[in-house]
Amino acid sequence: MGKWEAIENARNEWKENFDRTVFDQNEKENGKIEEKMDKLMEELKHLQIEKEIEQNKNKEKEDEMGEKEEKEEKGKGKKEEKEEKEEKGKEEEGKKEKEKGKVES
């Protein structure tokens, strides 16, 4: 039985070594995979930050365009108000002149 025990022990030792080697290789591969995942996550964070920056720039541009449009509309409104005031002033002058003409007659 000594011979068979020696064979069995050798087989068990070989199996343990093999299992340990496979386990070590898997651990190394898992470590590499984790490193790749970490790098990809970092890259993703940078891309998200760049996207947010770009969105903020676009929003600022849209806000500036909206402000310019508002200013232009306000400017047009002010011009229209001035024109209306001038027209009213001319109408009032015309009425006053007519009244003066009636009074003088």
PDB file of N, CA and C in Angstrom:
ATOM      1  N   MET A   1       0.798  -1.192   0.000  1.00  0.00           N
ATOM      2  CA  MET A   1       0.000   0.000   0.000  1.00  0.00           C
ATOM      3  C   MET A   1       0.839   1.254   0.000  1.00  0.00           C
ATOM      4  N   GLY A   2       2.042   1.162   0.367  1.00  0.00           N
ATOM      5  CA  GLY A   2       2.907   2.319   0.400  1.00  0.00           C
ATOM      6  C   GLY A   2       3.040   2.959  -0.967  1.00  0.00           C
ATOM      7  N   LYS A   3       3.064   2.081  -1.983  1.00  0.00           N
ATOM      8  CA  LYS A   3       3.211   2.586  -3.345  1.00  0.00           C
ATOM      9  C   LYS A   3       1.974   3.388  -3.735  1.00  0.00           C
ATOM     10  N   TRP A   4       0.789   2.830  -3.407  1.00  0.00           N
ATOM     11  CA  TRP A   4      -0.441   3.515  -3.785  1.00  0.00           C
ATOM     12  C   TRP A   4      -0.639   4.787  -2.961  1.00  0.00           C
ATOM     13  N   GLU A   5      -0.218   4.776  -1.741  1.00  0.00           N
ATOM     14  CA  GLU A   5      -0.309   5.979  -0.920  1.00  0.00           C
ATOM     15  C   GLU A   5       0.596   7.073  -1.467  1.00  0.00           C
ATOM     16  N   ALA A   6       1.781   6.688  -1.899  1.00  0.00           N
ATOM     17  CA  ALA A   6       2.721   7.653  -2.476  1.00  0.00           C
ATOM     18  C   ALA A   6       2.139   8.245  -3.753  1.00  0.00           C
ATOM     19  N   ILE A   7       1.534   7.408  -4.566  1.00  0.00           N
ATOM     20  CA  ILE A   7       0.918   7.899  -5.815  1.00  0.00           C
ATOM     21  C   ILE A   7      -0.234   8.838  -5.475  1.00  0.00           C
ATOM     22  N   GLU A   8      -1.056   8.433  -4.514  1.00  0.00           N
ATOM     23  CA  GLU A   8      -2.197   9.265  -4.108  1.00  0.00           C
ATOM     24  C   GLU A   8      -1.710  10.593  -3.536  1.00  0.00           C
ATOM     25  N   ASN A   9      -0.683  10.577  -2.718  1.00  0.00           N
ATOM     26  CA  ASN A   9      -0.130  11.819  -2.149  1.00  0.00           C
ATOM     27  C   ASN A   9       0.436  12.715  -3.244  1.00  0.00           C
ATOM     28  N   ALA A  10       1.144  12.120  -4.190  1.00  0.00           N
ATOM     29  CA  ALA A  10       1.715  12.891  -5.299  1.00  0.00           C
ATOM     30  C   ALA A  10       0.596  13.522  -6.119  1.00  0.00           C
ATOM     31  N   ARG A  11      -0.454  12.745  -6.374  1.00  0.00           N
ATOM     32  CA  ARG A  11      -1.593  13.267  -7.154  1.00  0.00           C
ATOM     33  C   ARG A  11      -2.255  14.418  -6.392  1.00  0.00           C
ATOM     34  N   ASN A  12      -2.475  14.252  -5.103  1.00  0.00           N
ATOM     35  CA  ASN A  12      -3.091  15.311  -4.298  1.00  0.00           C
ATOM     36  C   ASN A  12      -2.219  16.563  -4.267  1.00  0.00           C
ATOM     37  N   GLU A  13      -0.918  16.370  -4.122  1.00  0.00           N
ATOM     38  CA  GLU A  13       0.008  17.508  -4.111  1.00  0.00           C
ATOM     39  C   GLU A  13      -0.011  18.230  -5.456  1.00  0.00           C
ATOM     40  N   TRP A  14      -0.002  17.441  -6.549  1.00  0.00           N
ATOM     41  CA  TRP A  14      -0.048  18.040  -7.884  1.00  0.00           C
ATOM     42  C   TRP A  14      -1.346  18.822  -8.057  1.00  0.00           C
ATOM     43  N   LYS A  15      -2.477  18.237  -7.612  1.00  0.00           N
ATOM     44  CA  LYS A  15      -3.779  18.894  -7.734  1.00  0.00           C
ATOM     45  C   LYS A  15      -3.788  20.189  -6.923  1.00  0.00           C
ATOM     46  N   GLU A  16      -3.253  20.198  -5.714  1.00  0.00           N
ATOM     47  CA  GLU A  16      -3.195  21.407  -4.896  1.00  0.00           C
ATOM     48  C   GLU A  16      -2.350  22.475  -5.584  1.00  0.00           C
ATOM     49  N   ASN A  17      -1.198  22.076  -6.114  1.00  0.00           N
ATOM     50  CA  ASN A  17      -0.334  23.021  -6.830  1.00  0.00           C
ATOM     51  C   ASN A  17      -1.042  23.571  -8.057  1.00  0.00           C
ATOM     52  N   PHE A  18      -1.700  22.675  -8.777  1.00  0.00           N
ATOM     53  CA  PHE A  18      -2.428  23.106  -9.978  1.00  0.00           C
ATOM     54  C   PHE A  18      -3.537  24.081  -9.597  1.00  0.00           C
ATOM     55  N   ASP A  19      -4.324  23.724  -8.576  1.00  0.00           N
ATOM     56  CA  ASP A  19      -5.417  24.592  -8.138  1.00  0.00           C
ATOM     57  C   ASP A  19      -4.892  25.953  -7.673  1.00  0.00           C
ATOM     58  N   ARG A  20      -3.772  25.934  -6.933  1.00  0.00           N
ATOM     59  CA  ARG A  20      -3.168  27.180  -6.461  1.00  0.00           C
ATOM     60  C   ARG A  20      -2.701  28.020  -7.647  1.00  0.00           C
ATOM     61  N   THR A  21      -2.098  27.378  -8.640  1.00  0.00           N
ATOM     62  CA  THR A  21      -1.625  28.087  -9.831  1.00  0.00           C
ATOM     63  C   THR A  21      -2.803  28.702 -10.581  1.00  0.00           C
ATOM     64  N   VAL A  22      -3.852  27.921 -10.763  1.00  0.00           N
ATOM     65  CA  VAL A  22      -5.039  28.436 -11.457  1.00  0.00           C
ATOM     66  C   VAL A  22      -5.645  29.588 -10.659  1.00  0.00           C
ATOM     67  N   PHE A  23      -5.728  29.432  -9.340  1.00  0.00           N
ATOM     68  CA  PHE A  23      -6.269  30.486  -8.483  1.00  0.00           C
ATOM     69  C   PHE A  23      -5.427  31.754  -8.608  1.00  0.00           C
ATOM     70  N   ASP A  24      -4.108  31.605  -8.570  1.00  0.00           N
ATOM     71  CA  ASP A  24      -3.210  32.751  -8.699  1.00  0.00           C
ATOM     72  C   ASP A  24      -3.392  33.438 -10.046  1.00  0.00           C
ATOM     73  N   GLN A  25      -3.506  32.648 -11.098  1.00  0.00           N
ATOM     74  CA  GLN A  25      -3.706  33.232 -12.432  1.00  0.00           C
ATOM     75  C   GLN A  25      -5.028  33.985 -12.495  1.00  0.00           C
ATOM     76  N   ASN A  26      -6.061  33.397 -11.925  1.00  0.00           N
ATOM     77  CA  ASN A  26      -7.362  34.073 -11.902  1.00  0.00           C
ATOM     78  C   ASN A  26      -7.291  35.378 -11.120  1.00  0.00           C
ATOM     79  N   GLU A  27      -6.572  35.344 -10.000  1.00  0.00           N
ATOM     80  CA  GLU A  27      -6.411  36.562  -9.202  1.00  0.00           C
ATOM     81  C   GLU A  27      -5.679  37.640  -9.994  1.00  0.00           C
ATOM     82  N   LYS A  28      -4.649  37.241 -10.721  1.00  0.00           N
ATOM     83  CA  LYS A  28      -3.908  38.205 -11.544  1.00  0.00           C
ATOM     84  C   LYS A  28      -4.820  38.789 -12.616  1.00  0.00           C
ATOM     85  N   GLU A  29      -5.582  37.910 -13.277  1.00  0.00           N
ATOM     86  CA  GLU A  29      -6.492  38.386 -14.315  1.00  0.00           C
ATOM     87  C   GLU A  29      -7.554  39.303 -13.722  1.00  0.00           C
ATOM     88  N   ASN A  30      -8.064  38.924 -12.559  1.00  0.00           N
ATOM     89  CA  ASN A  30      -9.055  39.781 -11.898  1.00  0.00           C
ATOM     90  C   ASN A  30      -8.447  41.131 -11.545  1.00  0.00           C
ATOM     91  N   GLY A  31      -7.207  41.120 -11.108  1.00  0.00           N
ATOM     92  CA  GLY A  31      -6.519  42.375 -10.804  1.00  0.00           C
ATOM     93  C   GLY A  31      -6.375  43.241 -12.043  1.00  0.00           C
ATOM     94  N   LYS A  32      -6.033  42.620 -13.156  1.00  0.00           N
ATOM     95  CA  LYS A  32      -5.906  43.369 -14.410  1.00  0.00           C
ATOM     96  C   LYS A  32      -7.257  43.917 -14.842  1.00  0.00           C
ATOM     97  N   ILE A  33      -8.276  43.086 -14.683  1.00  0.00           N
ATOM     98  CA  ILE A  33      -9.627  43.538 -15.041  1.00  0.00           C
ATOM     99  C   ILE A  33     -10.037  44.714 -14.157  1.00  0.00           C
ATOM    100  N   GLU A  34      -9.749  44.623 -12.877  1.00  0.00           N
ATOM    101  CA  GLU A  34     -10.079  45.721 -11.960  1.00  0.00           C
ATOM    102  C   GLU A  34      -9.331  46.990 -12.337  1.00  0.00           C
ATOM    103  N   GLU A  35      -8.067  46.861 -12.724  1.00  0.00           N
ATOM    104  CA  GLU A  35      -7.295  48.025 -13.152  1.00  0.00           C
ATOM    105  C   GLU A  35      -7.934  48.656 -14.387  1.00  0.00           C
ATOM    106  N   LYS A  36      -8.328  47.823 -15.349  1.00  0.00           N
ATOM    107  CA  LYS A  36      -8.970  48.335 -16.561  1.00  0.00           C
ATOM    108  C   LYS A  36     -10.282  49.029 -16.213  1.00  0.00           C
ATOM    109  N   MET A  37     -11.038  48.427 -15.311  1.00  0.00           N
ATOM    110  CA  MET A  37     -12.307  49.035 -14.898  1.00  0.00           C
ATOM    111  C   MET A  37     -12.054  50.386 -14.224  1.00  0.00           C
ATOM    112  N   ASP A  38     -11.049  50.447 -13.377  1.00  0.00           N
ATOM    113  CA  ASP A  38     -10.721  51.713 -12.710  1.00  0.00           C
ATOM    114  C   ASP A  38     -10.349  52.783 -13.731  1.00  0.00           C
ATOM    115  N   LYS A  39      -9.536  52.401 -14.717  1.00  0.00           N
ATOM    116  CA  LYS A  39      -9.145  53.354 -15.755  1.00  0.00           C
ATOM    117  C   LYS A  39     -10.360  53.816 -16.551  1.00  0.00           C
ATOM    118  N   LEU A  40     -11.229  52.872 -16.888  1.00  0.00           N
ATOM    119  CA  LEU A  40     -12.425  53.237 -17.639  1.00  0.00           C
ATOM    120  C   LEU A  40     -13.348  54.142 -16.829  1.00  0.00           C
ATOM    121  N   MET A  41     -13.445  53.877 -15.546  1.00  0.00           N
ATOM    122  CA  MET A  41     -14.279  54.725 -14.687  1.00  0.00           C
ATOM    123  C   MET A  41     -13.698  56.137 -14.605  1.00  0.00           C
ATOM    124  N   GLU A  42     -12.388  56.250 -14.504  1.00  0.00           N
ATOM    125  CA  GLU A  42     -11.737  57.564 -14.483  1.00  0.00           C
ATOM    126  C   GLU A  42     -12.015  58.303 -15.786  1.00  0.00           C
ATOM    127  N   GLU A  43     -11.876  57.587 -16.889  1.00  0.00           N
ATOM    128  CA  GLU A  43     -12.121  58.195 -18.196  1.00  0.00           C
ATOM    129  C   GLU A  43     -13.581  58.637 -18.300  1.00  0.00           C
ATOM    130  N   LEU A  44     -14.467  57.804 -17.800  1.00  0.00           N
ATOM    131  CA  LEU A  44     -15.884  58.152 -17.816  1.00  0.00           C
ATOM    132  C   LEU A  44     -16.148  59.415 -17.000  1.00  0.00           C
ATOM    133  N   LYS A  45     -15.518  59.531 -15.837  1.00  0.00           N
ATOM    134  CA  LYS A  45     -15.677  60.727 -15.012  1.00  0.00           C
ATOM    135  C   LYS A  45     -15.214  61.971 -15.762  1.00  0.00           C
ATOM    136  N   HIS A  46     -14.053  61.844 -16.426  1.00  0.00           N
ATOM    137  CA  HIS A  46     -13.533  62.990 -17.183  1.00  0.00           C
ATOM    138  C   HIS A  46     -14.481  63.359 -18.317  1.00  0.00           C
ATOM    139  N   LEU A  47     -15.018  62.365 -18.984  1.00  0.00           N
ATOM    140  CA  LEU A  47     -15.945  62.642 -20.071  1.00  0.00           C
ATOM    141  C   LEU A  47     -17.222  63.293 -19.559  1.00  0.00           C
ATOM    142  N   GLN A  48     -17.697  62.842 -18.416  1.00  0.00           N
ATOM    143  CA  GLN A  48     -18.889  63.450 -17.835  1.00  0.00           C
ATOM    144  C   GLN A  48     -18.622  64.900 -17.455  1.00  0.00           C
ATOM    145  N   ILE A  49     -17.452  65.158 -16.906  1.00  0.00           N
ATOM    146  CA  ILE A  49     -17.091  66.533 -16.536  1.00  0.00           C
ATOM    147  C   ILE A  49     -17.018  67.399 -17.786  1.00  0.00           C
ATOM    148  N   GLU A  50     -16.388  66.881 -18.847  1.00  0.00           N
ATOM    149  CA  GLU A  50     -16.306  67.638 -20.098  1.00  0.00           C
ATOM    150  C   GLU A  50     -17.700  67.903 -20.655  1.00  0.00           C
ATOM    151  N   LYS A  51     -18.572  66.913 -20.563  1.00  0.00           N
ATOM    152  CA  LYS A  51     -19.936  67.078 -21.059  1.00  0.00           C
ATOM    153  C   LYS A  51     -20.657  68.163 -20.276  1.00  0.00           C
ATOM    154  N   GLU A  52     -20.504  68.143 -18.944  1.00  0.00           N
ATOM    155  CA  GLU A  52     -21.138  69.166 -18.109  1.00  0.00           C
ATOM    156  C   GLU A  52     -20.611  70.555 -18.456  1.00  0.00           C
ATOM    157  N   ILE A  53     -19.309  70.657 -18.664  1.00  0.00           N
ATOM    158  CA  ILE A  53     -18.707  71.942 -19.023  1.00  0.00           C
ATOM    159  C   ILE A  53     -19.296  72.435 -20.344  1.00  0.00           C
ATOM    160  N   GLU A  54     -19.385  71.538 -21.313  1.00  0.00           N
ATOM    161  CA  GLU A  54     -19.933  71.898 -22.624  1.00  0.00           C
ATOM    162  C   GLU A  54     -21.392  72.321 -22.497  1.00  0.00           C
ATOM    163  N   GLN A  55     -22.164  71.592 -21.684  1.00  0.00           N
ATOM    164  CA  GLN A  55     -23.567  71.945 -21.483  1.00  0.00           C
ATOM    165  C   GLN A  55     -23.680  73.315 -20.819  1.00  0.00           C
ATOM    166  N   ASN A  56     -22.807  73.589 -19.852  1.00  0.00           N
ATOM    167  CA  ASN A  56     -22.833  74.895 -19.193  1.00  0.00           C
ATOM    168  C   ASN A  56     -22.501  76.012 -20.171  1.00  0.00           C
ATOM    169  N   LYS A  57     -21.511  75.774 -21.033  1.00  0.00           N
ATOM    170  CA  LYS A  57     -21.161  76.778 -22.039  1.00  0.00           C
ATOM    171  C   LYS A  57     -22.339  77.043 -22.966  1.00  0.00           C
ATOM    172  N   ASN A  58     -22.979  75.956 -23.409  1.00  0.00           N
ATOM    173  CA  ASN A  58     -24.128  76.112 -24.297  1.00  0.00           C
ATOM    174  C   ASN A  58     -25.259  76.864 -23.604  1.00  0.00           C
ATOM    175  N   LYS A  59     -25.486  76.556 -22.330  1.00  0.00           N
ATOM    176  CA  LYS A  59     -26.540  77.241 -21.581  1.00  0.00           C
ATOM    177  C   LYS A  59     -26.215  78.724 -21.439  1.00  0.00           C
ATOM    178  N   GLU A  60     -24.933  79.031 -21.170  1.00  0.00           N
ATOM    179  CA  GLU A  60     -24.528  80.432 -21.052  1.00  0.00           C
ATOM    180  C   GLU A  60     -24.751  81.160 -22.372  1.00  0.00           C
ATOM    181  N   LYS A  61     -24.416  80.502 -23.476  1.00  0.00           N
ATOM    182  CA  LYS A  61     -24.630  81.120 -24.787  1.00  0.00           C
ATOM    183  C   LYS A  61     -26.113  81.366 -25.026  1.00  0.00           C
ATOM    184  N   GLU A  62     -26.935  80.368 -24.677  1.00  0.00           N
ATOM    185  CA  GLU A  62     -28.380  80.528 -24.844  1.00  0.00           C
ATOM    186  C   GLU A  62     -28.894  81.670 -23.971  1.00  0.00           C
ATOM    187  N   ASP A  63     -28.399  81.749 -22.748  1.00  0.00           N
ATOM    188  CA  ASP A  63     -28.809  82.830 -21.851  1.00  0.00           C
ATOM    189  C   ASP A  63     -28.404  84.187 -22.415  1.00  0.00           C
ATOM    190  N   GLU A  64     -27.175  84.262 -22.946  1.00  0.00           N
ATOM    191  CA  GLU A  64     -26.707  85.518 -23.524  1.00  0.00           C
ATOM    192  C   GLU A  64     -27.568  85.906 -24.721  1.00  0.00           C
ATOM    193  N   MET A  65     -27.905  84.920 -25.546  1.00  0.00           N
ATOM    194  CA  MET A  65     -28.747  85.209 -26.714  1.00  0.00           C
ATOM    195  C   MET A  65     -30.121  85.686 -26.259  1.00  0.00           C
ATOM    196  N   GLY A  66     -30.647  85.047 -25.223  1.00  0.00           N
ATOM    197  CA  GLY A  66     -31.950  85.459 -24.692  1.00  0.00           C
ATOM    198  C   GLY A  66     -31.896  86.873 -24.148  1.00  0.00           C
ATOM    199  N   GLU A  67     -30.814  87.205 -23.440  1.00  0.00           N
ATOM    200  CA  GLU A  67     -30.662  88.558 -22.901  1.00  0.00           C
ATOM    201  C   GLU A  67     -30.554  89.579 -24.028  1.00  0.00           C
ATOM    202  N   LYS A  68     -29.807  89.228 -25.070  1.00  0.00           N
ATOM    203  CA  LYS A  68     -29.674  90.153 -26.203  1.00  0.00           C
ATOM    204  C   LYS A  68     -31.030  90.383 -26.857  1.00  0.00           C
ATOM    205  N   GLU A  69     -31.795  89.301 -27.017  1.00  0.00           N
ATOM    206  CA  GLU A  69     -33.115  89.435 -27.629  1.00  0.00           C
ATOM    207  C   GLU A  69     -34.017  90.300 -26.754  1.00  0.00           C
ATOM    208  N   GLU A  70     -33.941  90.093 -25.422  1.00  0.00           N
ATOM    209  CA  GLU A  70     -34.748  90.907 -24.518  1.00  0.00           C
ATOM    210  C   GLU A  70     -34.357  92.378 -24.626  1.00  0.00           C
ATOM    211  N   LYS A  71     -33.056  92.642 -24.657  1.00  0.00           N
ATOM    212  CA  LYS A  71     -32.585  94.024 -24.761  1.00  0.00           C
ATOM    213  C   LYS A  71     -33.060  94.652 -26.067  1.00  0.00           C
ATOM    214  N   GLU A  72     -32.970  93.864 -27.151  1.00  0.00           N
ATOM    215  CA  GLU A  72     -33.418  94.384 -28.436  1.00  0.00           C
ATOM    216  C   GLU A  72     -34.913  94.691 -28.403  1.00  0.00           C
ATOM    217  N   GLU A  73     -35.684  93.773 -27.798  1.00  0.00           N
ATOM    218  CA  GLU A  73     -37.122  93.999 -27.699  1.00  0.00           C
ATOM    219  C   GLU A  73     -37.419  95.217 -26.840  1.00  0.00           C
ATOM    220  N   LYS A  74     -36.690  95.348 -25.731  1.00  0.00           N
ATOM    221  CA  LYS A  74     -36.880  96.517 -24.865  1.00  0.00           C
ATOM    222  C   LYS A  74     -36.498  97.784 -25.613  1.00  0.00           C
ATOM    223  N   GLY A  75     -35.395  97.709 -26.367  1.00  0.00           N
ATOM    224  CA  GLY A  75     -34.958  98.866 -27.150  1.00  0.00           C
ATOM    225  C   GLY A  75     -36.012  99.259 -28.174  1.00  0.00           C
ATOM    226  N   LYS A  76     -36.601  98.277 -28.822  1.00  0.00           N
ATOM    227  CA  LYS A  76     -37.661  98.549 -29.793  1.00  0.00           C
ATOM    228  C   LYS A  76     -38.869  99.145 -29.090  1.00  0.00           C
ATOM    229  N   GLY A  77     -39.168  98.616 -27.921  1.00  0.00           N
ATOM    230  CA  GLY A  77     -40.302  99.136 -27.150  1.00  0.00           C
ATOM    231  C   GLY A  77     -40.070 100.575 -26.753  1.00  0.00           C
ATOM    232  N   LYS A  78     -38.851 100.895 -26.348  1.00  0.00           N
ATOM    233  CA  LYS A  78     -38.528 102.271 -25.958  1.00  0.00           C
ATOM    234  C   LYS A  78     -38.633 103.199 -27.162  1.00  0.00           C
ATOM    235  N   LYS A  79     -38.161 102.745 -28.319  1.00  0.00           N
ATOM    236  CA  LYS A  79     -38.263 103.571 -29.529  1.00  0.00           C
ATOM    237  C   LYS A  79     -39.720 103.819 -29.872  1.00  0.00           C
ATOM    238  N   GLU A  80     -40.515 102.761 -29.771  1.00  0.00           N
ATOM    239  CA  GLU A  80     -41.937 102.911 -30.066  1.00  0.00           C
ATOM    240  C   GLU A  80     -42.594 103.873 -29.075  1.00  0.00           C
ATOM    241  N   GLU A  81     -42.212 103.780 -27.802  1.00  0.00           N
ATOM    242  CA  GLU A  81     -42.762 104.691 -26.798  1.00  0.00           C
ATOM    243  C   GLU A  81     -42.384 106.138 -27.123  1.00  0.00           C
ATOM    244  N   LYS A  82     -41.120 106.346 -27.514  1.00  0.00           N
ATOM    245  CA  LYS A  82     -40.673 107.697 -27.857  1.00  0.00           C
ATOM    246  C   LYS A  82     -41.467 108.230 -29.039  1.00  0.00           C
ATOM    247  N   GLU A  83     -41.642 107.349 -30.047  1.00  0.00           N
ATOM    248  CA  GLU A  83     -42.391 107.776 -31.233  1.00  0.00           C
ATOM    249  C   GLU A  83     -43.833 108.116 -30.859  1.00  0.00           C
ATOM    250  N   GLU A  84     -44.436 107.302 -30.011  1.00  0.00           N
ATOM    251  CA  GLU A  84     -45.810 107.572 -29.589  1.00  0.00           C
ATOM    252  C   GLU A  84     -45.883 108.888 -28.820  1.00  0.00           C
ATOM    253  N   LYS A  85     -44.911 109.143 -27.932  1.00  0.00           N
ATOM    254  CA  LYS A  85     -44.894 110.393 -27.173  1.00  0.00           C
ATOM    255  C   LYS A  85     -44.747 111.585 -28.119  1.00  0.00           C
ATOM    256  N   GLU A  86     -43.876 111.427 -29.116  1.00  0.00           N
ATOM    257  CA  GLU A  86     -43.675 112.516 -30.074  1.00  0.00           C
ATOM    258  C   GLU A  86     -44.958 112.776 -30.852  1.00  0.00           C
ATOM    259  N   GLU A  87     -45.633 111.686 -31.253  1.00  0.00           N
ATOM    260  CA  GLU A  87     -46.878 111.848 -31.996  1.00  0.00           C
ATOM    261  C   GLU A  87     -47.940 112.530 -31.123  1.00  0.00           C
ATOM    262  N   LYS A  88     -48.032 112.108 -29.854  1.00  0.00           N
ATOM    263  CA  LYS A  88     -48.994 112.730 -28.944  1.00  0.00           C
ATOM    264  C   LYS A  88     -48.666 114.197 -28.742  1.00  0.00           C
ATOM    265  N   GLY A  89     -47.362 114.466 -28.608  1.00  0.00           N
ATOM    266  CA  GLY A  89     -46.938 115.853 -28.444  1.00  0.00           C
ATOM    267  C   GLY A  89     -47.321 116.685 -29.660  1.00  0.00           C
ATOM    268  N   LYS A  90     -47.134 116.146 -30.863  1.00  0.00           N
ATOM    269  CA  LYS A  90     -47.499 116.867 -32.077  1.00  0.00           C
ATOM    270  C   LYS A  90     -49.005 117.055 -32.158  1.00  0.00           C
ATOM    271  N   GLU A  91     -49.749 116.028 -31.771  1.00  0.00           N
ATOM    272  CA  GLU A  91     -51.205 116.146 -31.783  1.00  0.00           C
ATOM    273  C   GLU A  91     -51.668 117.223 -30.813  1.00  0.00           C
ATOM    274  N   GLU A  92     -51.054 117.243 -29.622  1.00  0.00           N
ATOM    275  CA  GLU A  92     -51.421 118.259 -28.628  1.00  0.00           C
ATOM    276  C   GLU A  92     -51.070 119.650 -29.140  1.00  0.00           C
ATOM    277  N   GLU A  93     -49.923 119.782 -29.797  1.00  0.00           N
ATOM    278  CA  GLU A  93     -49.545 121.078 -30.349  1.00  0.00           C
ATOM    279  C   GLU A  93     -50.548 121.507 -31.412  1.00  0.00           C
ATOM    280  N   GLY A  94     -50.942 120.517 -32.230  1.00  0.00           N
ATOM    281  CA  GLY A  94     -51.931 120.820 -33.268  1.00  0.00           C
ATOM    282  C   GLY A  94     -53.249 121.269 -32.649  1.00  0.00           C
ATOM    283  N   LYS A  95     -53.683 120.634 -31.586  1.00  0.00           N
ATOM    284  CA  LYS A  95     -54.923 121.003 -30.902  1.00  0.00           C
ATOM    285  C   LYS A  95     -54.795 122.394 -30.309  1.00  0.00           C
ATOM    286  N   LYS A  96     -53.638 122.682 -29.707  1.00  0.00           N
ATOM    287  CA  LYS A  96     -53.421 123.993 -29.099  1.00  0.00           C
ATOM    288  C   LYS A  96     -53.453 125.080 -30.155  1.00  0.00           C
ATOM    289  N   GLU A  97     -52.838 124.794 -31.294  1.00  0.00           N
ATOM    290  CA  GLU A  97     -52.830 125.791 -32.363  1.00  0.00           C
ATOM    291  C   GLU A  97     -54.238 126.040 -32.887  1.00  0.00           C
ATOM    292  N   LYS A  98     -55.031 124.969 -32.989  1.00  0.00           N
ATOM    293  CA  LYS A  98     -56.410 125.117 -33.436  1.00  0.00           C
ATOM    294  C   LYS A  98     -57.193 125.954 -32.440  1.00  0.00           C
ATOM    295  N   GLU A  99     -56.955 125.686 -31.145  1.00  0.00           N
ATOM    296  CA  GLU A  99     -57.649 126.447 -30.104  1.00  0.00           C
ATOM    297  C   GLU A  99     -57.240 127.919 -30.151  1.00  0.00           C
ATOM    298  N   LYS A 100     -55.936 128.143 -30.394  1.00  0.00           N
ATOM    299  CA  LYS A 100     -55.464 129.519 -30.502  1.00  0.00           C
ATOM    300  C   LYS A 100     -56.109 130.207 -31.693  1.00  0.00           C
ATOM    301  N   GLY A 101     -56.202 129.425 -32.786  1.00  0.00           N
ATOM    302  CA  GLY A 101     -56.832 129.985 -33.986  1.00  0.00           C
ATOM    303  C   GLY A 101     -58.290 130.321 -33.733  1.00  0.00           C
ATOM    304  N   LYS A 102     -59.008 129.513 -32.979  1.00  0.00           N
ATOM    305  CA  LYS A 102     -60.408 129.759 -32.661  1.00  0.00           C
ATOM    306  C   LYS A 102     -60.537 130.955 -31.724  1.00  0.00           C
ATOM    307  N   VAL A 103     -59.626 131.040 -30.779  1.00  0.00           N
ATOM    308  CA  VAL A 103     -59.667 132.131 -29.818  1.00  0.00           C
ATOM    309  C   VAL A 103     -59.383 133.444 -30.539  1.00  0.00           C
ATOM    310  N   GLU A 104     -58.456 133.437 -31.452  1.00  0.00           N
ATOM    311  CA  GLU A 104     -58.101 134.645 -32.174  1.00  0.00           C
ATOM    312  C   GLU A 104     -59.207 135.068 -33.119  1.00  0.00           C
ATOM    313  N   SER A 105     -59.976 134.109 -33.618  1.00  0.00           N
ATOM    314  CA  SER A 105     -61.036 134.449 -34.546  1.00  0.00           C
ATOM    315  C   SER A 105     -62.135 135.121 -33.875  1.00  0.00           C
TER     316      SER A 105
END
